[in-house]
Amino acid sequence: MFRIEAAELWVVRLPLKFRFETSFGVQTEKLVPLLALRGEGIEGVAEGTMEFAPMYREETVAGALHLLREVFLPRVLGRTFANPEAVNDALGAFRGNRMARAMVEMAAWDLWARTLNVPLGTLLGGRKTSVEVGVSLGIQPDEAATVAVVRRHVEQGYRRIKLKIKPGWDVQPVRAVREAFSDIRLTVDANSAYTLADTGRLRALDAFDLTYIEQPLAWDDLVDHAELQRRLRTPLCLDESVASAQDARKALALGAGGVVNIKVARVGGHAEARRVHDVAQAFGAPVWCGGMLESGVGRAHNIHLSTLPNFALPGDTSSASRYWETDVIHEPLEAQGGLMPVPSGPGTGVTLNRDFLARVAELHEERRP
């Protein structure tokens, strides 16, 4: 049992240490919403991964803040819950908005784990003390720059290289990287930039021994992905298209892909992420944990989730120092030799750097029953 007595909200704008270009556009900073739930002297924290504008999915930071203040938090503040699943039930009447709901659910998981003095990964069913990590690399100015940035990260020990692609920037950089690195685990991510009309272009990627092609077609599509998968040798990995365990079941039954990228917030929190994991495992499809340029709070949640057994491919939980000069947590989350240690201690094992938040937060407010 745990009680939710109060909540705190922050919004922080963190500048990225590099220019990150995808098929969506160029990103140089991240707007990070944070939620802390407190009860009986213990605090659980989660991070929102929705964006300023509805590019990745339909949710936005502004919309999430409204729902948290006016709808979701009033349903949980001042109440005692048996477990985080009960928190989910309290929000079960509301449709969609999975990322906003996930902030409440994930903070509740952290709070519950800390109340029990148990690591979050253990509560979720994980057993690993470290997880394999890869790196996601944005679109570079040219092929030489692409090879150079790949070389730097290969030398740092990352166990999977993912290249962002878009129409007109796909076969050439992938060929250049594969010619320079014949034996690395290589993938590409299109972020929904293609259609079936581009099948010939995507089929050309079969030549480069990719582990998978991630989300080439529309964010809300399964049928065309199934058709495309029949035309390709390379497995497709679904990201935006899988928002629930039911979506995962339908996608895998249709043959719309052979790999699933699980982003905790995209599917509504840890409980649903675990169900997606279990469905994929039943189909024999490996999963991995995707990233959304999280601060240390979201990164720690991702690492703990990745300790479950079917997370068989390296995830996007690379070193936090790649992204931020100063993180929102005290603990460094740094990979070594392609492995990210699971933070030790109860819950996520990380703590907010409140001094830093006090200096940089664009919004900070407390909510009570």
Protein backbone atom coordinates (compact mmCIF):
# COMPACT_ATOMS: atom_id res chain seq x y z
CA MET A 1 0.00 0.00 0.00
CA PHE A 2 1.13 3.56 -0.62
CA ARG A 3 -0.51 6.94 -0.26
CA ILE A 4 -0.24 9.87 -2.67
CA GLU A 5 -0.39 13.02 -0.56
CA ALA A 6 1.01 15.67 -2.91
CA ALA A 7 2.46 16.22 -6.36
CA GLU A 8 5.06 18.56 -7.83
CA LEU A 9 5.35 19.56 -11.47
CA TRP A 10 8.35 21.05 -13.25
CA VAL A 11 9.04 21.98 -16.85
CA VAL A 12 12.71 22.35 -17.76
CA ARG A 13 14.27 23.34 -21.08
CA LEU A 14 17.55 21.46 -21.55
CA PRO A 15 19.93 22.42 -24.37
CA LEU A 16 21.32 19.45 -26.29
CA LYS A 17 25.08 19.18 -26.69
CA PHE A 18 24.65 18.52 -30.42
CA ARG A 19 22.30 19.21 -33.31
CA PHE A 20 19.92 16.26 -33.69
CA GLU A 21 18.26 15.93 -37.10
CA THR A 22 15.61 13.36 -38.01
CA SER A 23 12.93 13.16 -40.68
CA PHE A 24 10.80 15.35 -38.35
CA GLY A 25 13.32 18.21 -38.45
CA VAL A 26 16.18 19.57 -36.35
CA GLN A 27 16.22 19.57 -32.55
CA THR A 28 18.67 21.55 -30.39
CA GLU A 29 16.89 21.42 -27.03
CA LYS A 30 14.37 19.34 -25.11
CA LEU A 31 11.39 20.55 -23.12
CA VAL A 32 11.22 18.16 -20.15
CA PRO A 33 8.12 17.87 -17.92
CA LEU A 34 8.75 16.14 -14.58
CA LEU A 35 6.26 14.86 -12.02
CA ALA A 36 6.96 13.87 -8.41
CA LEU A 37 4.39 12.06 -6.29
CA ARG A 38 4.94 12.17 -2.52
CA GLY A 39 3.54 10.12 0.31
CA GLU A 40 4.62 9.47 3.91
CA GLY A 41 8.00 11.11 3.35
CA ILE A 42 8.83 9.16 0.17
CA GLU A 43 8.96 10.51 -3.38
CA GLY A 44 8.53 8.85 -6.76
CA VAL A 45 9.43 10.70 -9.95
CA ALA A 46 8.64 10.32 -13.65
CA GLU A 47 9.27 12.23 -16.86
CA GLY A 48 6.95 13.15 -19.71
CA THR A 49 8.25 12.36 -23.19
CA MET A 50 5.60 14.23 -25.16
CA GLU A 51 6.97 17.11 -27.22
CA PHE A 52 6.20 20.81 -27.61
CA ALA A 53 4.40 20.09 -30.89
CA PRO A 54 2.59 16.88 -31.93
CA MET A 55 5.31 15.46 -34.19
CA TYR A 56 6.10 12.01 -32.78
CA ARG A 57 2.58 11.25 -31.53
CA GLU A 58 -0.46 13.46 -31.01
CA GLU A 59 0.34 14.55 -27.43
CA THR A 60 1.98 17.82 -26.43
CA VAL A 61 3.52 19.25 -23.26
CA ALA A 62 0.80 21.90 -22.94
CA GLY A 63 -1.98 19.34 -23.29
CA ALA A 64 -0.33 17.01 -20.77
CA LEU A 65 0.02 19.77 -18.18
CA HIS A 66 -3.67 20.63 -18.49
CA LEU A 67 -4.71 17.00 -18.06
CA LEU A 68 -2.38 16.45 -15.12
CA ARG A 69 -3.65 19.53 -13.28
CA GLU A 70 -7.33 19.27 -14.04
CA VAL A 71 -8.06 15.60 -14.65
CA PHE A 72 -5.46 13.00 -13.69
CA LEU A 73 -3.91 14.29 -10.46
CA PRO A 74 -7.29 15.09 -8.84
CA ARG A 75 -8.13 11.38 -9.34
CA VAL A 76 -5.13 10.15 -7.32
CA LEU A 77 -4.20 12.84 -4.79
CA GLY A 78 -5.21 12.07 -1.24
CA ARG A 79 -5.84 8.41 -2.00
CA THR A 80 -4.19 5.17 -0.88
CA PHE A 81 -3.45 2.50 -3.50
CA ALA A 82 -2.57 -1.18 -3.24
CA ASN A 83 -0.18 -0.97 -6.21
CA PRO A 84 0.46 1.03 -9.40
CA GLU A 85 -2.08 -1.09 -11.30
CA ALA A 86 -4.72 0.46 -9.03
CA VAL A 87 -3.48 3.90 -10.09
CA ASN A 88 -4.01 2.80 -13.69
CA ASP A 89 -7.54 1.75 -12.81
CA ALA A 90 -8.23 5.19 -11.33
CA LEU A 91 -7.36 6.72 -14.72
CA GLY A 92 -8.94 3.96 -16.79
CA ALA A 93 -11.99 5.96 -17.85
CA PHE A 94 -9.91 8.31 -19.99
CA ARG A 95 -9.05 7.59 -23.61
CA GLY A 96 -5.70 8.09 -25.24
CA ASN A 97 -3.19 10.56 -23.79
CA ARG A 98 -0.99 7.63 -22.80
CA MET A 99 2.14 9.73 -22.29
CA ALA A 100 0.41 12.03 -19.81
CA ARG A 101 -1.13 9.10 -17.95
CA ALA A 102 2.25 7.37 -17.96
CA MET A 103 3.75 10.23 -15.95
CA VAL A 104 1.36 9.43 -13.10
CA GLU A 105 1.72 5.64 -13.45
CA MET A 106 5.52 5.66 -13.67
CA ALA A 107 5.89 8.02 -10.71
CA ALA A 108 3.58 5.67 -8.80
CA TRP A 109 5.81 2.69 -9.66
CA ASP A 110 8.85 4.58 -8.40
CA LEU A 111 7.02 5.61 -5.23
CA TRP A 112 5.78 2.05 -4.60
CA ALA A 113 9.22 0.54 -5.18
CA ARG A 114 10.81 3.02 -2.79
CA THR A 115 8.11 2.31 -0.21
CA LEU A 116 8.99 -1.39 -0.46
CA ASN A 117 12.75 -0.60 -0.55
CA VAL A 118 13.09 -2.63 -3.77
CA PRO A 119 14.65 -1.68 -7.15
CA LEU A 120 12.06 -0.88 -9.80
CA GLY A 121 13.48 -3.45 -12.20
CA THR A 122 13.02 -6.20 -9.62
CA LEU A 123 9.36 -5.29 -9.13
CA LEU A 124 8.84 -5.37 -12.90
CA GLY A 125 10.35 -8.86 -13.10
CA GLY A 126 13.83 -8.00 -14.34
CA ARG A 127 17.02 -9.69 -13.21
CA LYS A 128 19.87 -7.99 -15.08
CA THR A 129 22.42 -5.78 -13.33
CA SER A 130 23.39 -4.08 -16.61
CA VAL A 131 21.77 -3.72 -20.04
CA GLU A 132 23.21 -3.56 -23.54
CA VAL A 133 22.99 -0.12 -25.08
CA GLY A 134 23.18 1.29 -28.56
CA VAL A 135 23.21 4.82 -29.85
CA SER A 136 20.87 6.80 -32.09
CA LEU A 137 22.66 9.14 -34.50
CA GLY A 138 20.94 12.01 -36.25
CA ILE A 139 21.24 12.94 -39.91
CA GLN A 140 24.70 14.35 -40.67
CA PRO A 141 25.80 16.92 -43.28
CA ASP A 142 27.36 14.29 -45.57
CA GLU A 143 28.55 10.69 -45.79
CA ALA A 144 32.04 11.45 -44.47
CA ALA A 145 30.58 13.10 -41.38
CA THR A 146 28.27 10.12 -40.91
CA VAL A 147 31.15 7.65 -41.00
CA ALA A 148 33.15 9.84 -38.61
CA VAL A 149 30.38 10.05 -36.01
CA VAL A 150 29.76 6.31 -36.29
CA ARG A 151 33.48 5.61 -35.79
CA ARG A 152 33.54 7.71 -32.64
CA HIS A 153 30.65 5.79 -31.11
CA VAL A 154 31.93 2.39 -32.21
CA GLU A 155 35.19 3.22 -30.44
CA GLN A 156 33.18 4.09 -27.33
CA GLY A 157 31.83 0.54 -27.33
CA TYR A 158 28.18 1.03 -28.24
CA ARG A 159 26.67 -2.29 -29.29
CA ARG A 160 24.27 -1.03 -31.94
CA ILE A 161 24.45 1.95 -34.28
CA LYS A 162 21.15 3.43 -35.43
CA LEU A 163 21.11 5.95 -38.28
CA LYS A 164 18.21 8.31 -38.80
CA ILE A 165 17.09 8.31 -42.44
CA LYS A 166 14.59 10.10 -44.65
CA PRO A 167 13.75 10.09 -48.39
CA GLY A 168 16.86 11.22 -50.22
CA TRP A 169 19.13 10.37 -47.28
CA ASP A 170 19.04 6.63 -46.88
CA VAL A 171 20.93 4.27 -49.19
CA GLN A 172 24.02 6.48 -49.54
CA PRO A 173 24.88 6.98 -45.86
CA VAL A 174 24.00 3.38 -44.98
CA ARG A 175 26.25 2.08 -47.75
CA ALA A 176 29.10 4.32 -46.61
CA VAL A 177 28.79 3.15 -43.01
CA ARG A 178 28.51 -0.54 -43.92
CA GLU A 179 31.58 -0.30 -46.18
CA ALA A 180 33.55 1.30 -43.33
CA PHE A 181 32.25 -1.09 -40.64
CA SER A 182 31.46 -4.53 -42.01
CA ASP A 183 30.63 -6.23 -38.75
CA ILE A 184 28.78 -3.74 -36.53
CA ARG A 185 25.12 -4.18 -35.58
CA LEU A 186 23.50 -1.52 -37.78
CA THR A 187 19.89 -0.30 -37.95
CA VAL A 188 18.01 2.63 -39.46
CA ASP A 189 15.02 4.66 -38.25
CA ALA A 190 12.72 6.50 -40.66
CA ASN A 191 10.22 7.98 -38.16
CA SER A 192 7.32 7.35 -40.57
CA ALA A 193 8.87 9.24 -43.48
CA TYR A 194 8.10 6.75 -46.29
CA THR A 195 5.10 5.21 -48.08
CA LEU A 196 4.63 1.99 -50.02
CA ALA A 197 5.56 3.98 -53.13
CA ASP A 198 9.10 4.01 -51.71
CA THR A 199 9.34 0.21 -51.57
CA GLY A 200 12.17 0.13 -54.12
CA ARG A 201 14.22 2.54 -52.04
CA LEU A 202 13.61 0.57 -48.87
CA ARG A 203 14.29 -2.75 -50.61
CA ALA A 204 17.73 -1.43 -51.54
CA LEU A 205 18.54 -1.39 -47.81
CA ASP A 206 18.28 -5.20 -47.78
CA ALA A 207 21.81 -5.24 -49.16
CA PHE A 208 23.40 -3.86 -45.99
CA ASP A 209 22.70 -6.58 -43.42
CA LEU A 210 20.59 -4.38 -41.15
CA THR A 211 19.21 -5.80 -37.92
CA TYR A 212 15.93 -4.00 -38.68
CA ILE A 213 14.37 -0.98 -40.38
CA GLU A 214 12.44 1.01 -37.80
CA GLN A 215 9.01 2.56 -38.44
CA PRO A 216 9.34 3.31 -42.17
CA LEU A 217 5.61 3.97 -42.77
CA ALA A 218 2.82 5.96 -41.16
CA TRP A 219 2.69 6.27 -37.37
CA ASP A 220 -0.86 4.88 -37.16
CA ASP A 221 -0.52 2.10 -39.72
CA LEU A 222 -0.19 -1.67 -39.41
CA VAL A 223 -1.63 -2.93 -42.71
CA ASP A 224 0.87 -1.22 -45.02
CA HIS A 225 3.72 -2.28 -42.76
CA ALA A 226 2.57 -5.88 -43.21
CA GLU A 227 2.54 -5.41 -46.98
CA LEU A 228 6.00 -3.83 -46.91
CA GLN A 229 7.39 -6.60 -44.70
CA ARG A 230 6.33 -9.16 -47.32
CA ARG A 231 8.44 -7.29 -49.87
CA LEU A 232 11.60 -7.00 -47.75
CA ARG A 233 14.12 -9.45 -46.27
CA THR A 234 15.10 -7.08 -43.48
CA PRO A 235 12.80 -7.25 -40.42
CA LEU A 236 10.71 -4.19 -39.71
CA CYS A 237 10.68 -2.74 -36.20
CA LEU A 238 7.51 -0.99 -35.07
CA ASP A 239 7.68 2.07 -32.83
CA GLU A 240 4.96 4.73 -33.17
CA SER A 241 2.44 2.17 -34.45
CA VAL A 242 2.39 0.15 -31.21
CA ALA A 243 0.59 1.99 -28.40
CA SER A 244 -0.60 -1.08 -26.45
CA ALA A 245 -0.27 -4.81 -26.02
CA GLN A 246 -3.30 -5.21 -28.28
CA ASP A 247 -1.51 -3.23 -31.00
CA ALA A 248 1.54 -5.47 -30.57
CA ARG A 249 -0.58 -8.62 -30.86
CA LYS A 250 -2.31 -7.39 -34.01
CA ALA A 251 0.94 -6.18 -35.58
CA LEU A 252 2.76 -9.44 -35.02
CA ALA A 253 -0.24 -11.54 -36.08
CA LEU A 254 -0.45 -9.51 -39.31
CA GLY A 255 3.27 -9.91 -39.97
CA ALA A 256 3.75 -6.12 -39.87
CA GLY A 257 7.23 -6.57 -38.38
CA GLY A 258 9.47 -8.84 -36.40
CA VAL A 259 10.83 -6.47 -33.73
CA VAL A 260 9.11 -4.05 -31.33
CA ASN A 261 10.56 -0.87 -29.89
CA ILE A 262 8.99 -0.36 -26.45
CA LYS A 263 8.86 3.20 -25.20
CA VAL A 264 7.33 3.16 -21.73
CA ALA A 265 5.44 6.43 -22.02
CA ARG A 266 4.15 5.73 -25.53
CA VAL A 267 2.25 2.67 -24.28
CA GLY A 268 1.00 4.32 -21.08
CA GLY A 269 3.49 3.19 -18.45
CA HIS A 270 5.33 0.22 -17.03
CA ALA A 271 2.36 -2.12 -16.64
CA GLU A 272 1.41 -1.90 -20.33
CA ALA A 273 5.08 -1.94 -21.38
CA ARG A 274 5.45 -5.25 -19.56
CA ARG A 275 2.37 -6.60 -21.34
CA VAL A 276 3.80 -5.54 -24.72
CA HIS A 277 7.04 -7.30 -23.74
CA ASP A 278 5.12 -10.48 -22.89
CA VAL A 279 3.08 -10.46 -26.11
CA ALA A 280 6.20 -10.01 -28.22
CA GLN A 281 7.93 -12.80 -26.31
CA ALA A 282 5.00 -15.12 -27.02
CA PHE A 283 5.41 -14.40 -30.75
CA GLY A 284 9.19 -14.92 -30.58
CA ALA A 285 9.79 -11.25 -31.44
CA PRO A 286 12.63 -9.49 -29.59
CA VAL A 287 12.07 -6.07 -28.08
CA TRP A 288 14.30 -3.17 -27.12
CA CYS A 289 13.79 0.06 -25.20
CA GLY A 290 13.56 3.18 -27.32
CA GLY A 291 14.54 6.66 -26.21
CA MET A 292 13.04 10.13 -26.51
CA LEU A 293 16.07 12.20 -25.53
CA GLU A 294 15.14 11.68 -21.87
CA SER A 295 16.78 13.37 -18.93
CA GLY A 296 18.14 11.13 -16.19
CA VAL A 297 14.67 10.51 -14.73
CA GLY A 298 13.23 8.96 -17.88
CA ARG A 299 16.54 7.26 -18.70
CA ALA A 300 16.57 5.52 -15.30
CA HIS A 301 13.02 4.23 -15.85
CA ASN A 302 14.08 2.91 -19.28
CA ILE A 303 17.11 1.13 -17.85
CA HIS A 304 15.06 -0.65 -15.21
CA LEU A 305 12.44 -1.75 -17.76
CA SER A 306 15.23 -3.10 -19.98
CA THR A 307 16.15 -5.68 -17.33
CA LEU A 308 13.19 -7.86 -18.42
CA PRO A 309 14.27 -11.00 -20.30
CA ASN A 310 12.91 -10.32 -23.81
CA PHE A 311 14.83 -7.04 -24.11
CA ALA A 312 17.22 -8.95 -26.32
CA LEU A 313 18.49 -6.07 -28.47
CA PRO A 314 20.47 -3.00 -27.35
CA GLY A 315 18.29 -0.02 -26.47
CA ASP A 316 18.59 3.76 -26.75
CA THR A 317 19.74 4.17 -23.13
CA SER A 318 23.16 5.60 -24.01
CA SER A 319 25.22 7.76 -21.65
CA ALA A 320 23.46 10.85 -20.34
CA SER A 321 26.63 12.90 -20.82
CA ARG A 322 26.15 12.56 -24.60
CA TYR A 323 23.14 14.84 -24.31
CA TRP A 324 23.39 17.22 -21.35
CA GLU A 325 26.01 19.40 -19.71
CA THR A 326 23.98 19.13 -16.49
CA ASP A 327 21.31 16.52 -15.86
CA VAL A 328 18.25 16.86 -13.63
CA ILE A 329 19.48 14.06 -11.34
CA HIS A 330 22.54 13.70 -9.13
CA GLU A 331 23.62 10.22 -10.26
CA PRO A 332 25.67 9.82 -13.48
CA LEU A 333 24.14 7.35 -15.94
CA GLU A 334 27.13 6.34 -18.02
CA ALA A 335 27.63 3.29 -20.23
CA GLN A 336 30.92 1.40 -20.23
CA GLY A 337 31.84 -0.99 -23.01
CA GLY A 338 28.33 -0.90 -24.40
CA LEU A 339 26.74 -1.80 -21.06
CA MET A 340 24.68 0.52 -18.87
CA PRO A 341 24.71 -0.41 -15.17
CA VAL A 342 21.26 -0.53 -13.60
CA PRO A 343 21.07 2.21 -10.93
CA SER A 344 21.22 0.63 -7.50
CA GLY A 345 18.93 1.34 -4.58
CA PRO A 346 15.14 1.40 -4.22
CA GLY A 347 12.90 2.60 -7.03
CA THR A 348 14.73 4.00 -10.03
CA GLY A 349 17.81 4.60 -7.88
CA VAL A 350 18.14 8.24 -8.91
CA THR A 351 17.34 11.50 -7.10
CA LEU A 352 16.34 14.93 -8.37
CA ASN A 353 18.93 17.69 -8.44
CA ARG A 354 16.61 20.22 -6.88
CA ASP A 355 19.22 22.98 -6.78
CA PHE A 356 19.60 22.72 -10.56
CA LEU A 357 15.83 22.56 -11.05
CA ALA A 358 15.37 25.68 -8.93
CA ARG A 359 17.74 27.57 -11.23
CA VAL A 360 16.43 26.47 -14.61
CA ALA A 361 12.79 25.38 -14.28
CA GLU A 362 10.37 27.38 -16.43
CA LEU A 363 7.48 26.05 -14.37
CA HIS A 364 7.32 24.67 -10.83
CA GLU A 365 4.13 24.11 -8.89
CA GLU A 366 2.75 21.89 -6.15
CA ARG A 367 -0.63 20.20 -6.21
CA ARG A 368 -2.53 18.85 -3.24
CA PRO A 369 -5.94 17.20 -2.80
